[in-house]
PDB file of all heavy atoms in Angstrom:
ATOM      1  N   THR A   1     107.981 105.023  67.353  1.00  0.00           N
ATOM      2  CA  THR A   1     108.585 103.706  67.123  1.00  0.00           C
ATOM      3  C   THR A   1     110.032 103.658  67.607  1.00  0.00           C
ATOM      4  O   THR A   1     110.598 102.573  67.736  1.00  0.00           O
ATOM      5  CB  THR A   1     108.521 103.306  65.636  1.00  0.00           C
ATOM      6  OG1 THR A   1     109.125 104.327  64.838  1.00  0.00           O
ATOM      7  CG2 THR A   1     107.082 103.085  65.194  1.00  0.00           C
ATOM      8  N   SER A   2     110.620 104.796  67.929  1.00  0.00           N
ATOM      9  CA  SER A   2     111.965 104.778  68.509  1.00  0.00           C
ATOM     10  C   SER A   2     111.957 104.146  69.905  1.00  0.00           C
ATOM     11  O   SER A   2     113.005 103.797  70.433  1.00  0.00           O
ATOM     12  CB  SER A   2     112.549 106.198  68.581  1.00  0.00           C
ATOM     13  OG  SER A   2     111.801 107.000  69.469  1.00  0.00           O
ATOM     14  N   ASP A   3     110.754 103.971  70.483  1.00  0.00           N
ATOM     15  CA  ASP A   3     110.609 103.319  71.789  1.00  0.00           C
ATOM     16  C   ASP A   3     110.599 101.790  71.687  1.00  0.00           C
ATOM     17  O   ASP A   3     110.573 101.105  72.710  1.00  0.00           O
ATOM     18  CB  ASP A   3     109.323 103.780  72.479  1.00  0.00           C
ATOM     19  CG  ASP A   3     109.256 105.283  72.672  1.00  0.00           C
ATOM     20  OD1 ASP A   3     110.323 105.921  72.710  1.00  0.00           O
ATOM     21  OD2 ASP A   3     108.138 105.819  72.782  1.00  0.00           O
ATOM     22  N   LEU A   4     110.606 101.263  70.478  1.00  0.00           N
ATOM     23  CA  LEU A   4     110.483  99.813  70.273  1.00  0.00           C
ATOM     24  C   LEU A   4     111.585  98.986  70.943  1.00  0.00           C
ATOM     25  O   LEU A   4     111.289  97.909  71.468  1.00  0.00           O
ATOM     26  CB  LEU A   4     110.368  99.478  68.793  1.00  0.00           C
ATOM     27  CG  LEU A   4     110.000  98.043  68.463  1.00  0.00           C
ATOM     28  CD1 LEU A   4     108.696  97.618  69.140  1.00  0.00           C
ATOM     29  CD2 LEU A   4     109.898  97.853  66.959  1.00  0.00           C
ATOM     30  N   PRO A   5     112.837  99.429  70.978  1.00  0.00           N
ATOM     31  CA  PRO A   5     113.838  98.611  71.679  1.00  0.00           C
ATOM     32  C   PRO A   5     113.471  98.342  73.145  1.00  0.00           C
ATOM     33  O   PRO A   5     113.738  97.264  73.664  1.00  0.00           O
ATOM     34  CB  PRO A   5     115.124  99.430  71.564  1.00  0.00           C
ATOM     35  CG  PRO A   5     114.948 100.208  70.306  1.00  0.00           C
ATOM     36  CD  PRO A   5     113.470 100.556  70.272  1.00  0.00           C
ATOM     37  N   VAL A   6     112.839  99.302  73.802  1.00  0.00           N
ATOM     38  CA  VAL A   6     112.403  99.118  75.188  1.00  0.00           C
ATOM     39  C   VAL A   6     111.108  98.321  75.232  1.00  0.00           C
ATOM     40  O   VAL A   6     110.955  97.372  76.005  1.00  0.00           O
ATOM     41  CB  VAL A   6     112.223 100.486  75.895  1.00  0.00           C
ATOM     42  CG1 VAL A   6     111.560 100.320  77.253  1.00  0.00           C
ATOM     43  CG2 VAL A   6     113.569 101.188  76.034  1.00  0.00           C
ATOM     44  N   MET A   7     110.157  98.690  74.397  1.00  0.00           N
ATOM     45  CA  MET A   7     108.832  98.076  74.459  1.00  0.00           C
ATOM     46  C   MET A   7     108.786  96.699  73.803  1.00  0.00           C
ATOM     47  O   MET A   7     107.870  95.922  74.051  1.00  0.00           O
ATOM     48  CB  MET A   7     107.791  99.014  73.856  1.00  0.00           C
ATOM     49  CG  MET A   7     107.702 100.334  74.620  1.00  0.00           C
ATOM     50  SD  MET A   7     107.685 100.162  76.430  1.00  0.00           S
ATOM     51  CE  MET A   7     106.145  99.305  76.655  1.00  0.00           C
ATOM     52  N   GLY A   8     109.780  96.386  73.004  1.00  0.00           N
ATOM     53  CA  GLY A   8     109.878  95.041  72.454  1.00  0.00           C
ATOM     54  C   GLY A   8     110.033  93.993  73.548  1.00  0.00           C
ATOM     55  O   GLY A   8     109.570  92.857  73.411  1.00  0.00           O
ATOM     56  N   LYS A   9     110.653  94.376  74.650  1.00  0.00           N
ATOM     57  CA  LYS A   9     110.803  93.456  75.788  1.00  0.00           C
ATOM     58  C   LYS A   9     109.438  93.154  76.407  1.00  0.00           C
ATOM     59  O   LYS A   9     109.163  92.029  76.815  1.00  0.00           O
ATOM     60  CB  LYS A   9     111.745  94.051  76.829  1.00  0.00           C
ATOM     61  CG  LYS A   9     113.171  94.180  76.326  1.00  0.00           C
ATOM     62  CD  LYS A   9     114.054  94.914  77.305  1.00  0.00           C
ATOM     63  CE  LYS A   9     115.436  95.118  76.696  1.00  0.00           C
ATOM     64  NZ  LYS A   9     116.278  95.944  77.539  1.00  0.00           N
ATOM     65  N   ALA A  10     108.579  94.170  76.459  1.00  0.00           N
ATOM     66  CA  ALA A  10     107.213  93.966  76.968  1.00  0.00           C
ATOM     67  C   ALA A  10     106.452  93.044  76.017  1.00  0.00           C
ATOM     68  O   ALA A  10     105.773  92.112  76.458  1.00  0.00           O
ATOM     69  CB  ALA A  10     106.493  95.306  77.112  1.00  0.00           C
ATOM     70  N   ALA A  11     106.575  93.310  74.732  1.00  0.00           N
ATOM     71  CA  ALA A  11     105.883  92.491  73.737  1.00  0.00           C
ATOM     72  C   ALA A  11     106.341  91.032  73.813  1.00  0.00           C
ATOM     73  O   ALA A  11     105.523  90.108  73.772  1.00  0.00           O
ATOM     74  CB  ALA A  11     106.120  93.051  72.333  1.00  0.00           C
ATOM     75  N   GLN A  12     107.636  90.822  73.965  1.00  0.00           N
ATOM     76  CA  GLN A  12     108.160  89.457  74.029  1.00  0.00           C
ATOM     77  C   GLN A  12     107.643  88.723  75.262  1.00  0.00           C
ATOM     78  O   GLN A  12     107.282  87.544  75.186  1.00  0.00           O
ATOM     79  CB  GLN A  12     109.692  89.454  74.018  1.00  0.00           C
ATOM     80  CG  GLN A  12     110.292  88.067  73.941  1.00  0.00           C
ATOM     81  CD  GLN A  12     109.876  87.325  72.685  1.00  0.00           C
ATOM     82  OE1 GLN A  12     110.137  87.773  71.568  1.00  0.00           O
ATOM     83  NE2 GLN A  12     109.200  86.180  72.835  1.00  0.00           N
ATOM     84  N   LEU A  13     107.593  89.401  76.406  1.00  0.00           N
ATOM     85  CA  LEU A  13     107.099  88.751  77.617  1.00  0.00           C
ATOM     86  C   LEU A  13     105.628  88.375  77.470  1.00  0.00           C
ATOM     87  O   LEU A  13     105.232  87.258  77.818  1.00  0.00           O
ATOM     88  CB  LEU A  13     107.298  89.638  78.846  1.00  0.00           C
ATOM     89  CG  LEU A  13     106.907  88.914  80.136  1.00  0.00           C
ATOM     90  CD1 LEU A  13     108.048  88.041  80.627  1.00  0.00           C
ATOM     91  CD2 LEU A  13     106.488  89.881  81.204  1.00  0.00           C
ATOM     92  N   LEU A  14     104.811  89.280  76.944  1.00  0.00           N
ATOM     93  CA  LEU A  14     103.396  88.964  76.731  1.00  0.00           C
ATOM     94  C   LEU A  14     103.257  87.794  75.763  1.00  0.00           C
ATOM     95  O   LEU A  14     102.424  86.909  75.964  1.00  0.00           O
ATOM     96  CB  LEU A  14     102.643  90.187  76.216  1.00  0.00           C
ATOM     97  CG  LEU A  14     102.526  91.353  77.201  1.00  0.00           C
ATOM     98  CD1 LEU A  14     101.935  92.573  76.516  1.00  0.00           C
ATOM     99  CD2 LEU A  14     101.712  90.961  78.425  1.00  0.00           C
ATOM    100  N   ASP A  15     104.085  87.773  74.733  1.00  0.00           N
ATOM    101  CA  ASP A  15     104.072  86.667  73.780  1.00  0.00           C
ATOM    102  C   ASP A  15     104.457  85.358  74.469  1.00  0.00           C
ATOM    103  O   ASP A  15     103.824  84.319  74.254  1.00  0.00           O
ATOM    104  CB  ASP A  15     105.035  86.988  72.632  1.00  0.00           C
ATOM    105  CG  ASP A  15     104.684  86.268  71.353  1.00  0.00           C
ATOM    106  OD1 ASP A  15     103.535  86.405  70.887  1.00  0.00           O
ATOM    107  OD2 ASP A  15     105.559  85.562  70.818  1.00  0.00           O
ATOM    108  N   ASP A  16     105.482  85.401  75.311  1.00  0.00           N
ATOM    109  CA  ASP A  16     105.916  84.208  76.045  1.00  0.00           C
ATOM    110  C   ASP A  16     104.805  83.674  76.956  1.00  0.00           C
ATOM    111  O   ASP A  16     104.676  82.467  77.143  1.00  0.00           O
ATOM    112  CB  ASP A  16     107.160  84.503  76.893  1.00  0.00           C
ATOM    113  CG  ASP A  16     108.398  84.770  76.051  1.00  0.00           C
ATOM    114  OD1 ASP A  16     108.395  84.470  74.837  1.00  0.00           O
ATOM    115  OD2 ASP A  16     109.378  85.305  76.617  1.00  0.00           O
ATOM    116  N   PHE A  17     104.005  84.577  77.523  1.00  0.00           N
ATOM    117  CA  PHE A  17     102.893  84.189  78.390  1.00  0.00           C
ATOM    118  C   PHE A  17     101.626  83.842  77.603  1.00  0.00           C
ATOM    119  O   PHE A  17     100.606  83.512  78.199  1.00  0.00           O
ATOM    120  CB  PHE A  17     102.584  85.296  79.403  1.00  0.00           C
ATOM    121  CG  PHE A  17     103.395  85.205  80.664  1.00  0.00           C
ATOM    122  CD1 PHE A  17     104.666  85.739  80.732  1.00  0.00           C
ATOM    123  CD2 PHE A  17     102.887  84.570  81.787  1.00  0.00           C
ATOM    124  CE1 PHE A  17     105.419  85.654  81.892  1.00  0.00           C
ATOM    125  CE2 PHE A  17     103.628  84.473  82.952  1.00  0.00           C
ATOM    126  CZ  PHE A  17     104.898  85.018  83.012  1.00  0.00           C
ATOM    127  N   GLU A  18     101.711  83.941  76.273  1.00  0.00           N
ATOM    128  CA  GLU A  18     100.586  83.653  75.378  1.00  0.00           C
ATOM    129  C   GLU A  18      99.382  84.551  75.669  1.00  0.00           C
ATOM    130  O   GLU A  18      98.233  84.111  75.666  1.00  0.00           O
ATOM    131  CB  GLU A  18     100.210  82.170  75.430  1.00  0.00           C
ATOM    132  CG  GLU A  18     101.355  81.269  75.012  1.00  0.00           C
ATOM    133  CD  GLU A  18     101.042  79.783  75.113  1.00  0.00           C
ATOM    134  OE1 GLU A  18     100.111  79.404  75.860  1.00  0.00           O
ATOM    135  OE2 GLU A  18     101.732  79.019  74.428  1.00  0.00           O
ATOM    136  N   ILE A  19      99.664  85.820  75.923  1.00  0.00           N
ATOM    137  CA  ILE A  19      98.628  86.817  76.185  1.00  0.00           C
ATOM    138  C   ILE A  19      98.454  87.640  74.915  1.00  0.00           C
ATOM    139  O   ILE A  19      99.413  88.281  74.457  1.00  0.00           O
ATOM    140  CB  ILE A  19      99.024  87.715  77.383  1.00  0.00           C
ATOM    141  CG1 ILE A  19      99.041  86.865  78.661  1.00  0.00           C
ATOM    142  CG2 ILE A  19      98.071  88.899  77.506  1.00  0.00           C
ATOM    143  CD1 ILE A  19      99.590  87.563  79.866  1.00  0.00           C
ATOM    144  N   PRO A  20      97.267  87.643  74.339  1.00  0.00           N
ATOM    145  CA  PRO A  20      97.045  88.420  73.110  1.00  0.00           C
ATOM    146  C   PRO A  20      97.216  89.924  73.370  1.00  0.00           C
ATOM    147  O   PRO A  20      96.664  90.458  74.335  1.00  0.00           O
ATOM    148  CB  PRO A  20      95.595  88.106  72.729  1.00  0.00           C
ATOM    149  CG  PRO A  20      95.237  86.879  73.493  1.00  0.00           C
ATOM    150  CD  PRO A  20      96.076  86.891  74.731  1.00  0.00           C
ATOM    151  N   PHE A  21      97.996  90.566  72.517  1.00  0.00           N
ATOM    152  CA  PHE A  21      98.260  91.991  72.686  1.00  0.00           C
ATOM    153  C   PHE A  21      98.351  92.664  71.327  1.00  0.00           C
ATOM    154  O   PHE A  21      98.511  92.012  70.296  1.00  0.00           O
ATOM    155  CB  PHE A  21      99.550  92.224  73.488  1.00  0.00           C
ATOM    156  CG  PHE A  21     100.801  91.819  72.759  1.00  0.00           C
ATOM    157  CD1 PHE A  21     101.549  92.760  72.054  1.00  0.00           C
ATOM    158  CD2 PHE A  21     101.243  90.495  72.773  1.00  0.00           C
ATOM    159  CE1 PHE A  21     102.703  92.382  71.370  1.00  0.00           C
ATOM    160  CE2 PHE A  21     102.389  90.112  72.100  1.00  0.00           C
ATOM    161  CZ  PHE A  21     103.125  91.051  71.398  1.00  0.00           C
ATOM    162  N   GLU A  22      98.249  93.969  71.366  1.00  0.00           N
ATOM    163  CA  GLU A  22      98.472  94.789  70.182  1.00  0.00           C
ATOM    164  C   GLU A  22      99.569  95.780  70.513  1.00  0.00           C
ATOM    165  O   GLU A  22      99.844  96.043  71.692  1.00  0.00           O
ATOM    166  CB  GLU A  22      97.189  95.521  69.778  1.00  0.00           C
ATOM    167  CG  GLU A  22      96.696  96.505  70.823  1.00  0.00           C
ATOM    168  CD  GLU A  22      95.376  97.156  70.461  1.00  0.00           C
ATOM    169  OE1 GLU A  22      94.635  96.645  69.598  1.00  0.00           O
ATOM    170  OE2 GLU A  22      95.072  98.204  71.087  1.00  0.00           O
ATOM    171  N   ILE A  23     100.216  96.313  69.491  1.00  0.00           N
ATOM    172  CA  ILE A  23     101.271  97.296  69.706  1.00  0.00           C
ATOM    173  C   ILE A  23     101.145  98.359  68.620  1.00  0.00           C
ATOM    174  O   ILE A  23     101.051  98.032  67.436  1.00  0.00           O
ATOM    175  CB  ILE A  23     102.662  96.611  69.739  1.00  0.00           C
ATOM    176  CG1 ILE A  23     103.757  97.595  70.129  1.00  0.00           C
ATOM    177  CG2 ILE A  23     102.962  95.893  68.459  1.00  0.00           C
ATOM    178  CD1 ILE A  23     105.074  96.919  70.506  1.00  0.00           C
ATOM    179  N   ASN A  24     101.066  99.619  69.060  1.00  0.00           N
ATOM    180  CA  ASN A  24     100.869 100.734  68.139  1.00  0.00           C
ATOM    181  C   ASN A  24     101.626 101.958  68.624  1.00  0.00           C
ATOM    182  O   ASN A  24     101.969 102.065  69.796  1.00  0.00           O
ATOM    183  CB  ASN A  24      99.379 101.094  68.043  1.00  0.00           C
ATOM    184  CG  ASN A  24      98.579 100.015  67.358  1.00  0.00           C
ATOM    185  OD1 ASN A  24      98.728  99.781  66.168  1.00  0.00           O
ATOM    186  ND2 ASN A  24      97.731  99.339  68.121  1.00  0.00           N
ATOM    187  N   ALA A  25     101.834 102.897  67.700  1.00  0.00           N
ATOM    188  CA  ALA A  25     102.411 104.200  68.039  1.00  0.00           C
ATOM    189  C   ALA A  25     101.304 105.246  67.960  1.00  0.00           C
ATOM    190  O   ALA A  25     100.568 105.310  66.973  1.00  0.00           O
ATOM    191  CB  ALA A  25     103.539 104.546  67.077  1.00  0.00           C
ATOM    192  N   LEU A  26     101.168 106.009  69.027  1.00  0.00           N
ATOM    193  CA  LEU A  26     100.251 107.147  69.089  1.00  0.00           C
ATOM    194  C   LEU A  26     100.966 108.250  69.867  1.00  0.00           C
ATOM    195  O   LEU A  26     101.723 107.952  70.784  1.00  0.00           O
ATOM    196  CB  LEU A  26      98.955 106.791  69.816  1.00  0.00           C
ATOM    197  CG  LEU A  26      98.000 105.820  69.139  1.00  0.00           C
ATOM    198  CD1 LEU A  26      96.883 105.422  70.097  1.00  0.00           C
ATOM    199  CD2 LEU A  26      97.418 106.440  67.879  1.00  0.00           C
ATOM    200  N   SER A  27     100.706 109.476  69.527  1.00  0.00           N
ATOM    201  CA  SER A  27     101.362 110.585  70.200  1.00  0.00           C
ATOM    202  C   SER A  27     100.335 111.523  70.819  1.00  0.00           C
ATOM    203  O   SER A  27      99.415 111.972  70.133  1.00  0.00           O
ATOM    204  CB  SER A  27     102.220 111.367  69.197  1.00  0.00           C
ATOM    205  OG  SER A  27     102.691 112.567  69.768  1.00  0.00           O
ATOM    206  N   ALA A  28     100.513 111.794  72.094  1.00  0.00           N
ATOM    207  CA  ALA A  28      99.613 112.728  72.784  1.00  0.00           C
ATOM    208  C   ALA A  28      99.698 114.121  72.182  1.00  0.00           C
ATOM    209  O   ALA A  28      98.732 114.883  72.244  1.00  0.00           O
ATOM    210  CB  ALA A  28      99.959 112.777  74.273  1.00  0.00           C
ATOM    211  N   HIS A  29     100.830 114.450  71.570  1.00  0.00           N
ATOM    212  CA  HIS A  29     101.023 115.789  71.019  1.00  0.00           C
ATOM    213  C   HIS A  29     100.793 115.851  69.507  1.00  0.00           C
ATOM    214  O   HIS A  29     100.297 116.857  69.007  1.00  0.00           O
ATOM    215  CB  HIS A  29     102.436 116.290  71.339  1.00  0.00           C
ATOM    216  CG  HIS A  29     102.681 116.378  72.805  1.00  0.00           C
ATOM    217  ND1 HIS A  29     103.490 115.483  73.468  1.00  0.00           N
ATOM    218  CD2 HIS A  29     102.205 117.213  73.747  1.00  0.00           C
ATOM    219  CE1 HIS A  29     103.511 115.790  74.755  1.00  0.00           C
ATOM    220  NE2 HIS A  29     102.739 116.836  74.956  1.00  0.00           N
ATOM    221  N   ARG A  30     101.127 114.800  68.786  1.00  0.00           N
ATOM    222  CA  ARG A  30     101.001 114.830  67.323  1.00  0.00           C
ATOM    223  C   ARG A  30      99.701 114.208  66.819  1.00  0.00           C
ATOM    224  O   ARG A  30      99.245 114.536  65.735  1.00  0.00           O
ATOM    225  CB  ARG A  30     102.214 114.153  66.683  1.00  0.00           C
ATOM    226  CG  ARG A  30     103.499 114.932  66.927  1.00  0.00           C
ATOM    227  CD  ARG A  30     104.693 114.264  66.273  1.00  0.00           C
ATOM    228  NE  ARG A  30     105.045 113.028  66.954  1.00  0.00           N
ATOM    229  CZ  ARG A  30     106.066 112.877  67.777  1.00  0.00           C
ATOM    230  NH1 ARG A  30     106.856 113.888  68.038  1.00  0.00           N
ATOM    231  NH2 ARG A  30     106.325 111.729  68.354  1.00  0.00           N
ATOM    232  N   THR A  31      99.114 113.281  67.605  1.00  0.00           N
ATOM    233  CA  THR A  31      97.839 112.656  67.204  1.00  0.00           C
ATOM    234  C   THR A  31      96.874 112.638  68.394  1.00  0.00           C
ATOM    235  O   THR A  31      96.369 111.585  68.781  1.00  0.00           O
ATOM    236  CB  THR A  31      98.064 111.218  66.673  1.00  0.00           C
ATOM    237  OG1 THR A  31      98.662 110.428  67.715  1.00  0.00           O
ATOM    238  CG2 THR A  31      98.925 111.191  65.427  1.00  0.00           C
ATOM    239  N   PRO A  32      96.592 113.791  68.980  1.00  0.00           N
ATOM    240  CA  PRO A  32      95.780 113.803  70.201  1.00  0.00           C
ATOM    241  C   PRO A  32      94.368 113.244  70.016  1.00  0.00           C
ATOM    242  O   PRO A  32      93.854 112.574  70.916  1.00  0.00           O
ATOM    243  CB  PRO A  32      95.750 115.278  70.602  1.00  0.00           C
ATOM    244  CG  PRO A  32      96.082 116.028  69.363  1.00  0.00           C
ATOM    245  CD  PRO A  32      96.986 115.132  68.566  1.00  0.00           C
ATOM    246  N   SER A  33      93.734 113.489  68.899  1.00  0.00           N
ATOM    247  CA  SER A  33      92.365 112.973  68.717  1.00  0.00           C
ATOM    248  C   SER A  33      92.367 111.451  68.599  1.00  0.00           C
ATOM    249  O   SER A  33      91.466 110.787  69.114  1.00  0.00           O
ATOM    250  CB  SER A  33      91.684 113.620  67.509  1.00  0.00           C
ATOM    251  OG  SER A  33      92.422 113.375  66.331  1.00  0.00           O
ATOM    252  N   GLN A  34      93.397 110.872  67.982  1.00  0.00           N
ATOM    253  CA  GLN A  34      93.491 109.411  67.887  1.00  0.00           C
ATOM    254  C   GLN A  34      93.758 108.788  69.253  1.00  0.00           C
ATOM    255  O   GLN A  34      93.251 107.711  69.559  1.00  0.00           O
ATOM    256  CB  GLN A  34      94.577 108.994  66.882  1.00  0.00           C
ATOM    257  CG  GLN A  34      94.202 109.235  65.452  1.00  0.00           C
ATOM    258  CD  GLN A  34      94.681 110.602  64.950  1.00  0.00           C
ATOM    259  OE1 GLN A  34      94.856 111.546  65.717  1.00  0.00           O
ATOM    260  NE2 GLN A  34      94.873 110.705  63.644  1.00  0.00           N
ATOM    261  N   VAL A  35      94.553 109.464  70.078  1.00  0.00           N
ATOM    262  CA  VAL A  35      94.818 108.967  71.432  1.00  0.00           C
ATOM    263  C   VAL A  35      93.522 108.956  72.237  1.00  0.00           C
ATOM    264  O   VAL A  35      93.190 107.959  72.900  1.00  0.00           O
ATOM    265  CB  VAL A  35      95.898 109.812  72.152  1.00  0.00           C
ATOM    266  CG1 VAL A  35      96.005 109.440  73.623  1.00  0.00           C
ATOM    267  CG2 VAL A  35      97.241 109.651  71.462  1.00  0.00           C
ATOM    268  N   GLU A  36      92.772 110.030  72.161  1.00  0.00           N
ATOM    269  CA  GLU A  36      91.506 110.112  72.887  1.00  0.00           C
ATOM    270  C   GLU A  36      90.527 109.047  72.396  1.00  0.00           C
ATOM    271  O   GLU A  36      89.886 108.360  73.198  1.00  0.00           O
ATOM    272  CB  GLU A  36      90.893 111.505  72.729  1.00  0.00           C
ATOM    273  CG  GLU A  36      89.635 111.695  73.536  1.00  0.00           C
ATOM    274  CD  GLU A  36      89.075 113.107  73.420  1.00  0.00           C
ATOM    275  OE1 GLU A  36      89.741 113.993  72.856  1.00  0.00           O
ATOM    276  OE2 GLU A  36      87.954 113.310  73.907  1.00  0.00           O
TER     277      GLU A  36
END
């Protein structure tokens, strides 16, 4: 979630374009089975 300041810009643009999106935190190293 420390990436949110950067990725919030992506979320805002998708919202402005009225494109349905989801936003989640997953880690390739800490939650590898959930990522897969």
